[in-house]
C-alpha atoms as a PDB file:
ATOM      1  CA  MET A   1      69.661 156.101  76.388  1.00  0.00           C
ATOM      2  CA  ARG A   2      72.275 156.633  79.100  1.00  0.00           C
ATOM      3  CA  THR A   3      74.170 153.362  78.660  1.00  0.00           C
ATOM      4  CA  THR A   4      74.901 151.152  75.690  1.00  0.00           C
ATOM      5  CA  PRO A   5      72.464 148.235  75.483  1.00  0.00           C
ATOM      6  CA  THR A   6      73.340 144.629  76.191  1.00  0.00           C
ATOM      7  CA  LEU A   7      72.550 141.862  73.713  1.00  0.00           C
ATOM      8  CA  LEU A   8      71.124 138.726  75.337  1.00  0.00           C
ATOM      9  CA  VAL A   9      71.526 135.709  73.050  1.00  0.00           C
ATOM     10  CA  LEU A  10      69.368 132.659  73.822  1.00  0.00           C
ATOM     11  CA  ALA A  11      71.522 129.718  72.734  1.00  0.00           C
ATOM     12  CA  ALA A  12      70.615 126.874  75.100  1.00  0.00           C
ATOM     13  CA  GLY A  13      68.022 125.192  72.872  1.00  0.00           C
ATOM     14  CA  MET A  14      68.097 121.450  72.256  1.00  0.00           C
ATOM     15  CA  ALA A  15      67.478 121.675  68.451  1.00  0.00           C
ATOM     16  CA  THR A  16      65.395 118.494  68.419  1.00  0.00           C
ATOM     17  CA  ARG A  17      64.010 119.066  64.906  1.00  0.00           C
ATOM     18  CA  TYR A  18      67.352 120.156  63.452  1.00  0.00           C
ATOM     19  CA  GLY A  19      69.271 117.141  64.690  1.00  0.00           C
ATOM     20  CA  SER A  20      72.547 118.813  65.720  1.00  0.00           C
ATOM     21  CA  LEU A  21      73.933 121.804  67.628  1.00  0.00           C
ATOM     22  CA  LYS A  22      72.700 124.471  65.229  1.00  0.00           C
ATOM     23  CA  GLN A  23      73.945 127.303  67.459  1.00  0.00           C
ATOM     24  CA  LEU A  24      77.488 126.433  66.354  1.00  0.00           C
ATOM     25  CA  ASP A  25      76.802 125.086  62.875  1.00  0.00           C
ATOM     26  CA  SER A  26      78.669 126.729  59.984  1.00  0.00           C
ATOM     27  CA  PHE A  27      76.705 128.786  57.465  1.00  0.00           C
ATOM     28  CA  GLY A  28      78.936 131.629  56.270  1.00  0.00           C
ATOM     29  CA  PRO A  29      81.700 131.502  53.627  1.00  0.00           C
ATOM     30  CA  HIS A  30      84.383 130.971  56.298  1.00  0.00           C
ATOM     31  CA  GLY A  31      82.402 128.828  58.711  1.00  0.00           C
ATOM     32  CA  GLU A  32      80.524 131.661  60.409  1.00  0.00           C
ATOM     33  CA  THR A  33      77.527 130.804  62.572  1.00  0.00           C
ATOM     34  CA  ILE A  34      74.272 132.749  62.577  1.00  0.00           C
ATOM     35  CA  ILE A  35      75.245 134.042  66.029  1.00  0.00           C
ATOM     36  CA  ASP A  36      78.466 135.467  64.569  1.00  0.00           C
ATOM     37  CA  TYR A  37      76.445 137.657  62.210  1.00  0.00           C
ATOM     38  CA  SER A  38      74.070 138.759  64.973  1.00  0.00           C
ATOM     39  CA  VAL A  39      76.955 139.787  67.244  1.00  0.00           C
ATOM     40  CA  HIS A  40      78.610 141.616  64.345  1.00  0.00           C
ATOM     41  CA  ASP A  41      75.389 143.494  63.555  1.00  0.00           C
ATOM     42  CA  ALA A  42      74.718 144.352  67.209  1.00  0.00           C
ATOM     43  CA  LEU A  43      78.208 145.750  67.792  1.00  0.00           C
ATOM     44  CA  LYS A  44      77.999 147.770  64.583  1.00  0.00           C
ATOM     45  CA  ALA A  45      74.609 149.182  65.672  1.00  0.00           C
ATOM     46  CA  GLY A  46      75.980 150.316  69.036  1.00  0.00           C
ATOM     47  CA  PHE A  47      75.531 147.483  71.522  1.00  0.00           C
ATOM     48  CA  GLY A  48      78.107 146.955  74.266  1.00  0.00           C
ATOM     49  CA  LYS A  49      78.103 143.766  76.326  1.00  0.00           C
ATOM     50  CA  ILE A  50      77.010 140.425  74.844  1.00  0.00           C
ATOM     51  CA  VAL A  51      75.529 137.806  77.204  1.00  0.00           C
ATOM     52  CA  PHE A  52      74.976 134.238  75.997  1.00  0.00           C
ATOM     53  CA  VAL A  53      72.554 131.840  77.695  1.00  0.00           C
ATOM     54  CA  ILE A  54      73.865 128.319  77.079  1.00  0.00           C
ATOM     55  CA  ARG A  55      73.797 124.836  78.604  1.00  0.00           C
ATOM     56  CA  GLU A  56      76.654 123.683  80.814  1.00  0.00           C
ATOM     57  CA  SER A  57      77.094 120.649  78.546  1.00  0.00           C
ATOM     58  CA  ILE A  58      78.106 122.863  75.598  1.00  0.00           C
ATOM     59  CA  ARG A  59      79.901 125.597  77.537  1.00  0.00           C
ATOM     60  CA  GLU A  60      83.486 124.652  76.677  1.00  0.00           C
ATOM     61  CA  GLU A  61      82.732 124.193  72.973  1.00  0.00           C
ATOM     62  CA  PHE A  62      80.633 127.355  72.784  1.00  0.00           C
ATOM     63  CA  GLU A  63      83.103 129.617  74.577  1.00  0.00           C
ATOM     64  CA  GLY A  64      85.923 128.268  72.427  1.00  0.00           C
ATOM     65  CA  ALA A  65      83.992 129.037  69.257  1.00  0.00           C
ATOM     66  CA  MET A  66      83.285 132.612  70.378  1.00  0.00           C
ATOM     67  CA  ARG A  67      86.921 133.225  71.370  1.00  0.00           C
ATOM     68  CA  HIS A  68      88.010 131.974  67.964  1.00  0.00           C
ATOM     69  CA  GLN A  69      85.541 134.159  66.078  1.00  0.00           C
ATOM     70  CA  PHE A  70      85.950 137.316  68.189  1.00  0.00           C
ATOM     71  CA  PRO A  71      89.517 137.122  69.543  1.00  0.00           C
ATOM     72  CA  THR A  72      89.778 140.809  70.453  1.00  0.00           C
ATOM     73  CA  LEU A  73      86.468 141.191  72.307  1.00  0.00           C
ATOM     74  CA  ASP A  74      86.463 141.324  76.103  1.00  0.00           C
ATOM     75  CA  ASN A  75      82.739 141.983  76.506  1.00  0.00           C
ATOM     76  CA  LEU A  76      81.390 138.440  75.991  1.00  0.00           C
ATOM     77  CA  PHE A  77      79.772 136.777  79.006  1.00  0.00           C
ATOM     78  CA  TYR A  78      78.137 133.398  79.572  1.00  0.00           C
ATOM     79  CA  VAL A  79      75.360 132.143  81.842  1.00  0.00           C
ATOM     80  CA  THR A  80      74.045 128.593  81.953  1.00  0.00           C
ATOM     81  CA  GLN A  81      70.388 127.587  81.858  1.00  0.00           C
ATOM     82  CA  GLU A  82      69.702 124.332  83.691  1.00  0.00           C
ATOM     83  CA  LEU A  83      66.543 122.678  84.992  1.00  0.00           C
ATOM     84  CA  ASP A  84      67.467 123.279  88.631  1.00  0.00           C
ATOM     85  CA  HIS A  85      68.016 127.022  88.166  1.00  0.00           C
ATOM     86  CA  LEU A  86      64.748 128.048  89.817  1.00  0.00           C
ATOM     87  CA  PRO A  87      63.501 130.659  92.295  1.00  0.00           C
ATOM     88  CA  ALA A  88      64.075 129.853  95.959  1.00  0.00           C
ATOM     89  CA  GLY A  89      61.616 127.305  97.286  1.00  0.00           C
ATOM     90  CA  TYR A  90      60.897 125.612  93.941  1.00  0.00           C
ATOM     91  CA  GLN A  91      62.040 122.128  92.938  1.00  0.00           C
ATOM     92  CA  VAL A  92      62.346 120.324  89.610  1.00  0.00           C
ATOM     93  CA  PRO A  93      59.495 117.781  89.218  1.00  0.00           C
ATOM     94  CA  GLU A  94      60.740 114.196  89.003  1.00  0.00           C
ATOM     95  CA  ASN A  95      59.462 113.664  85.459  1.00  0.00           C
ATOM     96  CA  ARG A  96      60.803 116.953  84.041  1.00  0.00           C
ATOM     97  CA  ILE A  97      63.395 116.604  81.256  1.00  0.00           C
ATOM     98  CA  LYS A  98      62.433 119.350  78.795  1.00  0.00           C
ATOM     99  CA  PRO A  99      64.074 122.799  79.275  1.00  0.00           C
ATOM    100  CA  TRP A 100      61.848 125.432  80.864  1.00  0.00           C
ATOM    101  CA  GLY A 101      61.721 127.720  77.820  1.00  0.00           C
ATOM    102  CA  THR A 102      62.711 131.174  76.605  1.00  0.00           C
ATOM    103  CA  GLY A 103      61.121 133.067  79.498  1.00  0.00           C
ATOM    104  CA  HIS A 104      63.200 131.045  81.945  1.00  0.00           C
ATOM    105  CA  ALA A 105      66.315 131.777  79.860  1.00  0.00           C
ATOM    106  CA  VAL A 106      65.792 135.523  80.282  1.00  0.00           C
ATOM    107  CA  TRP A 107      65.214 135.094  84.020  1.00  0.00           C
ATOM    108  CA  VAL A 108      68.478 133.199  84.593  1.00  0.00           C
ATOM    109  CA  ALA A 109      70.410 136.022  82.902  1.00  0.00           C
ATOM    110  CA  SER A 110      68.969 138.780  85.101  1.00  0.00           C
ATOM    111  CA  SER A 111      72.006 139.052  87.399  1.00  0.00           C
ATOM    112  CA  HIS A 112      74.258 139.731  84.387  1.00  0.00           C
ATOM    113  CA  ILE A 113      72.271 142.684  83.019  1.00  0.00           C
ATOM    114  CA  GLN A 114      72.145 146.119  84.637  1.00  0.00           C
ATOM    115  CA  GLY A 115      70.762 148.321  81.859  1.00  0.00           C
ATOM    116  CA  PRO A 116      68.611 148.209  78.722  1.00  0.00           C
ATOM    117  CA  PHE A 117      68.909 145.050  76.664  1.00  0.00           C
ATOM    118  CA  ALA A 118      67.592 143.205  73.635  1.00  0.00           C
ATOM    119  CA  VAL A 119      66.826 139.495  73.433  1.00  0.00           C
ATOM    120  CA  ILE A 120      67.441 137.346  70.361  1.00  0.00           C
ATOM    121  CA  ASN A 121      67.328 133.670  69.468  1.00  0.00           C
ATOM    122  CA  GLY A 122      70.747 132.251  68.649  1.00  0.00           C
ATOM    123  CA  ASP A 123      69.497 130.413  65.572  1.00  0.00           C
ATOM    124  CA  ASP A 124      67.627 133.301  63.929  1.00  0.00           C
ATOM    125  CA  PHE A 125      69.068 135.855  61.498  1.00  0.00           C
ATOM    126  CA  TYR A 126      67.559 139.300  62.088  1.00  0.00           C
ATOM    127  CA  GLY A 127      69.596 141.662  59.910  1.00  0.00           C
ATOM    128  CA  TYR A 128      71.523 144.824  60.764  1.00  0.00           C
ATOM    129  CA  ARG A 129      68.576 147.197  60.350  1.00  0.00           C
ATOM    130  CA  SER A 130      66.662 145.309  63.049  1.00  0.00           C
ATOM    131  CA  PHE A 131      69.421 146.026  65.584  1.00  0.00           C
ATOM    132  CA  GLY A 132      69.520 149.632  64.419  1.00  0.00           C
ATOM    133  CA  LEU A 133      65.806 149.925  65.250  1.00  0.00           C
ATOM    134  CA  VAL A 134      66.556 148.706  68.783  1.00  0.00           C
ATOM    135  CA  VAL A 135      69.236 151.320  69.400  1.00  0.00           C
ATOM    136  CA  ASP A 136      67.105 154.100  67.913  1.00  0.00           C
ATOM    137  CA  PHE A 137      64.129 153.088  70.076  1.00  0.00           C
ATOM    138  CA  LEU A 138      66.213 153.128  73.250  1.00  0.00           C
ATOM    139  CA  ARG A 139      67.690 156.488  72.328  1.00  0.00           C
ATOM    140  CA  HIS A 140      64.222 158.065  72.353  1.00  0.00           C
ATOM    141  CA  SER A 141      62.329 155.981  74.928  1.00  0.00           C
ATOM    142  CA  THR A 142      62.103 157.696  78.327  1.00  0.00           C
ATOM    143  CA  SER A 143      59.733 155.462  80.326  1.00  0.00           C
ATOM    144  CA  GLU A 144      61.239 152.592  82.323  1.00  0.00           C
ATOM    145  CA  THR A 145      58.126 150.514  81.588  1.00  0.00           C
ATOM    146  CA  GLU A 146      58.120 151.108  77.830  1.00  0.00           C
ATOM    147  CA  TYR A 147      59.593 148.148  75.981  1.00  0.00           C
ATOM    148  CA  GLY A 148      59.975 147.349  72.304  1.00  0.00           C
ATOM    149  CA  LEU A 149      59.301 144.482  69.927  1.00  0.00           C
ATOM    150  CA  ILE A 150      60.817 144.194  66.466  1.00  0.00           C
ATOM    151  CA  GLY A 151      58.027 142.937  64.231  1.00  0.00           C
ATOM    152  CA  PHE A 152      58.613 140.959  61.046  1.00  0.00           C
ATOM    153  CA  LYS A 153      56.057 140.432  58.316  1.00  0.00           C
ATOM    154  CA  LEU A 154      54.876 136.839  58.616  1.00  0.00           C
ATOM    155  CA  GLU A 155      55.605 136.127  54.946  1.00  0.00           C
ATOM    156  CA  ASN A 156      59.263 136.992  55.628  1.00  0.00           C
ATOM    157  CA  THR A 157      59.591 134.402  58.399  1.00  0.00           C
ATOM    158  CA  LEU A 158      58.323 131.113  56.971  1.00  0.00           C
ATOM    159  CA  SER A 159      60.218 127.899  56.256  1.00  0.00           C
ATOM    160  CA  GLU A 160      59.858 126.035  52.981  1.00  0.00           C
ATOM    161  CA  HIS A 161      60.400 122.774  54.822  1.00  0.00           C
ATOM    162  CA  GLY A 162      57.733 122.605  57.508  1.00  0.00           C
ATOM    163  CA  ALA A 163      55.662 124.375  60.134  1.00  0.00           C
ATOM    164  CA  VAL A 164      57.027 127.126  62.384  1.00  0.00           C
ATOM    165  CA  SER A 165      56.017 128.764  65.670  1.00  0.00           C
ATOM    166  CA  ARG A 166      55.378 132.491  65.600  1.00  0.00           C
ATOM    167  CA  GLY A 167      53.903 135.085  67.949  1.00  0.00           C
ATOM    168  CA  LEU A 168      51.132 136.959  66.111  1.00  0.00           C
ATOM    169  CA  CYS A 169      51.001 140.621  67.165  1.00  0.00           C
ATOM    170  CA  GLN A 170      47.838 142.667  67.617  1.00  0.00           C
ATOM    171  CA  LEU A 171      48.469 146.441  67.647  1.00  0.00           C
ATOM    172  CA  ASP A 172      46.496 149.499  68.685  1.00  0.00           C
ATOM    173  CA  GLU A 173      46.182 152.638  66.545  1.00  0.00           C
ATOM    174  CA  GLU A 174      49.431 154.079  67.919  1.00  0.00           C
ATOM    175  CA  GLY A 175      51.489 150.994  67.133  1.00  0.00           C
ATOM    176  CA  TYR A 176      51.618 149.601  70.651  1.00  0.00           C
ATOM    177  CA  LEU A 177      51.118 145.922  71.333  1.00  0.00           C
ATOM    178  CA  GLU A 178      47.676 144.841  72.524  1.00  0.00           C
ATOM    179  CA  ALA A 179      48.329 141.101  72.486  1.00  0.00           C
ATOM    180  CA  VAL A 180      50.791 138.531  71.195  1.00  0.00           C
ATOM    181  CA  THR A 181      49.448 135.051  70.555  1.00  0.00           C
ATOM    182  CA  GLU A 182      51.830 132.140  70.163  1.00  0.00           C
ATOM    183  CA  GLN A 183      50.866 130.074  67.118  1.00  0.00           C
ATOM    184  CA  THR A 184      52.848 126.847  67.256  1.00  0.00           C
ATOM    185  CA  HIS A 185      52.040 125.429  63.795  1.00  0.00           C
ATOM    186  CA  ILE A 186      52.062 127.991  60.970  1.00  0.00           C
ATOM    187  CA  ILE A 187      52.572 126.453  57.557  1.00  0.00           C
ATOM    188  CA  LYS A 188      52.324 127.263  53.871  1.00  0.00           C
ATOM    189  CA  THR A 189      49.492 125.419  52.120  1.00  0.00           C
ATOM    190  CA  GLY A 190      48.206 125.221  48.574  1.00  0.00           C
ATOM    191  CA  ASP A 191      45.754 127.990  49.433  1.00  0.00           C
ATOM    192  CA  GLY A 192      48.117 130.323  51.285  1.00  0.00           C
ATOM    193  CA  ILE A 193      49.222 130.377  54.911  1.00  0.00           C
ATOM    194  CA  GLU A 194      47.464 128.699  57.842  1.00  0.00           C
ATOM    195  CA  ALA A 195      47.869 128.495  61.588  1.00  0.00           C
ATOM    196  CA  GLN A 196      46.838 124.940  62.394  1.00  0.00           C
ATOM    197  CA  ASN A 197      46.053 124.562  66.084  1.00  0.00           C
ATOM    198  CA  PRO A 198      44.783 121.427  67.830  1.00  0.00           C
ATOM    199  CA  ASP A 199      41.046 121.479  68.577  1.00  0.00           C
ATOM    200  CA  GLN A 200      40.518 124.663  66.540  1.00  0.00           C
ATOM    201  CA  GLU A 201      39.575 125.529  63.001  1.00  0.00           C
ATOM    202  CA  PRO A 202      42.576 126.507  60.834  1.00  0.00           C
ATOM    203  CA  LEU A 203      43.283 130.249  60.930  1.00  0.00           C
ATOM    204  CA  GLN A 204      43.817 131.730  57.467  1.00  0.00           C
ATOM    205  CA  LEU A 205      46.611 134.303  57.340  1.00  0.00           C
ATOM    206  CA  THR A 206      47.654 136.791  54.658  1.00  0.00           C
ATOM    207  CA  GLY A 207      51.389 136.913  55.353  1.00  0.00           C
ATOM    208  CA  GLN A 208      51.226 140.659  56.070  1.00  0.00           C
ATOM    209  CA  GLU A 209      50.661 140.126  59.792  1.00  0.00           C
ATOM    210  CA  LEU A 210      53.457 141.276  62.094  1.00  0.00           C
ATOM    211  CA  VAL A 211      54.994 138.509  64.158  1.00  0.00           C
ATOM    212  CA  SER A 212      57.481 138.365  66.992  1.00  0.00           C
ATOM    213  CA  MET A 213      60.711 136.475  66.395  1.00  0.00           C
ATOM    214  CA  ASN A 214      61.812 137.044  70.017  1.00  0.00           C
ATOM    215  CA  LEU A 215      63.776 140.189  69.151  1.00  0.00           C
ATOM    216  CA  MET A 216      62.475 142.224  72.061  1.00  0.00           C
ATOM    217  CA  VAL A 217      63.786 145.281  73.865  1.00  0.00           C
ATOM    218  CA  PHE A 218      63.608 145.588  77.648  1.00  0.00           C
ATOM    219  CA  LYS A 219      64.786 147.625  80.613  1.00  0.00           C
ATOM    220  CA  PRO A 220      65.711 146.191  84.036  1.00  0.00           C
ATOM    221  CA  SER A 221      62.186 146.896  85.309  1.00  0.00           C
ATOM    222  CA  VAL A 222      61.070 143.808  83.383  1.00  0.00           C
ATOM    223  CA  PHE A 223      62.915 141.275  85.559  1.00  0.00           C
ATOM    224  CA  PRO A 224      60.343 141.212  88.409  1.00  0.00           C
ATOM    225  CA  LEU A 225      57.721 140.401  85.761  1.00  0.00           C
ATOM    226  CA  PHE A 226      59.756 137.416  84.600  1.00  0.00           C
ATOM    227  CA  GLU A 227      60.248 136.207  88.170  1.00  0.00           C
ATOM    228  CA  GLN A 228      56.565 136.506  89.019  1.00  0.00           C
ATOM    229  CA  GLY A 229      55.575 134.849  85.750  1.00  0.00           C
ATOM    230  CA  LEU A 230      58.011 131.994  86.281  1.00  0.00           C
ATOM    231  CA  LYS A 231      56.701 131.310  89.777  1.00  0.00           C
ATOM    232  CA  GLU A 232      53.098 131.281  88.559  1.00  0.00           C
ATOM    233  CA  PHE A 233      54.065 129.012  85.675  1.00  0.00           C
ATOM    234  CA  LEU A 234      55.807 126.539  87.989  1.00  0.00           C
ATOM    235  CA  GLU A 235      52.819 126.399  90.312  1.00  0.00           C
ATOM    236  CA  GLU A 236      50.325 125.910  87.480  1.00  0.00           C
ATOM    237  CA  ASN A 237      52.358 123.337  85.527  1.00  0.00           C
ATOM    238  CA  SER A 238      53.960 121.193  88.225  1.00  0.00           C
ATOM    239  CA  THR A 239      52.445 118.030  86.715  1.00  0.00           C
ATOM    240  CA  ASN A 240      52.950 118.922  83.038  1.00  0.00           C
ATOM    241  CA  PRO A 241      56.422 117.747  81.923  1.00  0.00           C
ATOM    242  CA  ASN A 242      56.147 119.421  78.501  1.00  0.00           C
ATOM    243  CA  ALA A 243      54.890 122.905  79.398  1.00  0.00           C
ATOM    244  CA  GLU A 244      57.233 125.785  78.517  1.00  0.00           C
ATOM    245  CA  PHE A 245      57.510 129.286  79.957  1.00  0.00           C
ATOM    246  CA  TYR A 246      57.539 131.369  76.782  1.00  0.00           C
ATOM    247  CA  LEU A 247      59.008 134.860  76.528  1.00  0.00           C
ATOM    248  CA  PRO A 248      56.000 136.227  74.555  1.00  0.00           C
ATOM    249  CA  ALA A 249      53.655 135.069  77.328  1.00  0.00           C
ATOM    250  CA  VAL A 250      55.412 137.386  79.798  1.00  0.00           C
ATOM    251  CA  VAL A 251      55.114 140.308  77.398  1.00  0.00           C
ATOM    252  CA  ASP A 252      51.468 139.551  76.640  1.00  0.00           C
ATOM    253  CA  HIS A 253      50.590 139.397  80.352  1.00  0.00           C
ATOM    254  CA  ALA A 254      52.456 142.631  81.130  1.00  0.00           C
ATOM    255  CA  VAL A 255      50.561 144.472  78.394  1.00  0.00           C
ATOM    256  CA  LYS A 256      47.141 143.106  79.329  1.00  0.00           C
ATOM    257  CA  THR A 257      47.610 143.940  83.022  1.00  0.00           C
ATOM    258  CA  GLY A 258      48.849 147.457  82.293  1.00  0.00           C
ATOM    259  CA  ARG A 259      52.302 146.902  83.764  1.00  0.00           C
ATOM    260  CA  ALA A 260      54.101 147.806  80.543  1.00  0.00           C
ATOM    261  CA  GLN A 261      53.702 149.329  77.105  1.00  0.00           C
ATOM    262  CA  VAL A 262      55.376 147.623  74.159  1.00  0.00           C
ATOM    263  CA  LYS A 263      56.058 149.609  70.997  1.00  0.00           C
ATOM    264  CA  VAL A 264      56.071 147.420  67.880  1.00  0.00           C
ATOM    265  CA  LEU A 265      58.744 148.466  65.391  1.00  0.00           C
ATOM    266  CA  GLU A 266      58.437 146.947  61.923  1.00  0.00           C
ATOM    267  CA  THR A 267      61.721 145.882  60.378  1.00  0.00           C
ATOM    268  CA  PRO A 268      62.278 145.769  56.620  1.00  0.00           C
ATOM    269  CA  GLU A 269      64.602 142.797  57.060  1.00  0.00           C
ATOM    270  CA  LYS A 270      63.795 139.293  55.869  1.00  0.00           C
ATOM    271  CA  TRP A 271      64.286 136.698  58.573  1.00  0.00           C
ATOM    272  CA  PHE A 272      65.925 133.377  57.953  1.00  0.00           C
ATOM    273  CA  GLY A 273      66.975 130.598  60.258  1.00  0.00           C
ATOM    274  CA  VAL A 274      67.242 126.881  60.812  1.00  0.00           C
ATOM    275  CA  THR A 275      64.336 124.881  62.150  1.00  0.00           C
ATOM    276  CA  TYR A 276      64.767 121.851  59.888  1.00  0.00           C
ATOM    277  CA  PRO A 277      67.943 120.305  58.366  1.00  0.00           C
ATOM    278  CA  ASP A 278      66.863 121.344  54.858  1.00  0.00           C
ATOM    279  CA  ASP A 279      66.825 124.991  55.971  1.00  0.00           C
ATOM    280  CA  LYS A 280      70.631 125.008  56.099  1.00  0.00           C
ATOM    281  CA  ALA A 281      71.110 125.338  52.347  1.00  0.00           C
ATOM    282  CA  VAL A 282      68.683 128.286  52.260  1.00  0.00           C
ATOM    283  CA  VAL A 283      70.572 130.083  55.034  1.00  0.00           C
ATOM    284  CA  MET A 284      73.908 129.509  53.319  1.00  0.00           C
ATOM    285  CA  ARG A 285      72.591 130.913  50.025  1.00  0.00           C
ATOM    286  CA  ASN A 286      71.153 133.969  51.754  1.00  0.00           C
ATOM    287  CA  LEU A 287      74.394 134.718  53.580  1.00  0.00           C
ATOM    288  CA  GLN A 288      76.455 134.240  50.430  1.00  0.00           C
ATOM    289  CA  ARG A 289      74.160 136.693  48.637  1.00  0.00           C
ATOM    290  CA  LEU A 290      74.554 139.280  51.417  1.00  0.00           C
ATOM    291  CA  VAL A 291      78.333 138.897  51.311  1.00  0.00           C
ATOM    292  CA  HIS A 292      78.305 139.271  47.524  1.00  0.00           C
ATOM    293  CA  GLU A 293      76.185 142.438  47.843  1.00  0.00           C
ATOM    294  CA  GLY A 294      78.684 143.899  50.312  1.00  0.00           C
ATOM    295  CA  THR A 295      76.386 143.822  53.344  1.00  0.00           C
ATOM    296  CA  TYR A 296      78.924 141.657  55.185  1.00  0.00           C
ATOM    297  CA  PRO A 297      82.665 141.138  54.802  1.00  0.00           C
ATOM    298  CA  GLN A 298      83.896 137.930  53.217  1.00  0.00           C
ATOM    299  CA  ASN A 299      85.492 136.847  56.498  1.00  0.00           C
ATOM    300  CA  LEU A 300      83.985 138.050  59.789  1.00  0.00           C
ATOM    301  CA  ARG A 301      86.851 136.738  61.911  1.00  0.00           C
ATOM    302  CA  GLU A 302      89.439 138.752  59.995  1.00  0.00           C
ATOM    303  CA  THR A 303      87.274 141.846  60.438  1.00  0.00           C
ATOM    304  CA  HIS A 304      87.080 141.428  64.209  1.00  0.00           C
ATOM    305  CA  SER A 305      90.702 140.323  64.546  1.00  0.00           C
ATOM    306  CA  ALA A 306      91.593 143.684  63.039  1.00  0.00           C
ATOM    307  CA  ASN A 307      89.325 145.232  65.711  1.00  0.00           C
ATOM    308  CA  SER A 308      87.223 147.111  63.180  1.00  0.00           C
ATOM    309  CA  ILE A 309      83.584 146.727  62.184  1.00  0.00           C
END
């Protein structure tokens, strides 16, 4: 790894099921957001620049929150994701209101990233060891078309309060990704765990399956794949106002067409995050436990104000 990696934080989501701007909601003992902990972990692991993908409508509030939490950092950058941010020659369909999705979010950030980078969701907690796996992978990876995916055990990523979307990973014998399938309705049942898909029989799962939580590791060679994928998506879905261009779909296509290899790196961390309002109390308890155990300082802002991690 010749340069320190960039962290790309996807924070433009609408949070329709949560009911408020969860990217900036308070969860830590001193009002910390989940993003605050992710930035802290990434910097500690060895990341350099942090790039946030946000909406223009929340830009002032978001930038203010980051300046307050990390007053000494000068490596925070912001890019907006809007419906009309499209490749040349493409227009927004008249009936389109829904954001284009996580794949589009990565594409709009391409001009802000010059080296290796990792992508995360702004409302997901990944844990320090997950970011350490990213840095270690990049330190040893030599191919410009070898990417990485931090895999979580499915049982460590479920919500007690409703269904979740997860990308199920299929691996070869050497631990490289063969396919990632987006399951949009995984839920705990009385009999275990099921993926309940429309027009299909329920898929029984053990909980030991590795899933993608959008913590993926890329090099700049990936951006043409996102641009090509976005163009194909726009052409195929011009009349579908609800279709989304998902990040895992780009990775899956790149693997199946032989344009990239993706090493799956299993993290020991337990994910938590906020999909539903009732998830907030769970996140707060988990963070308080980690602070009590000494994993995190009592006050992140004081730590970064002192310019030490």
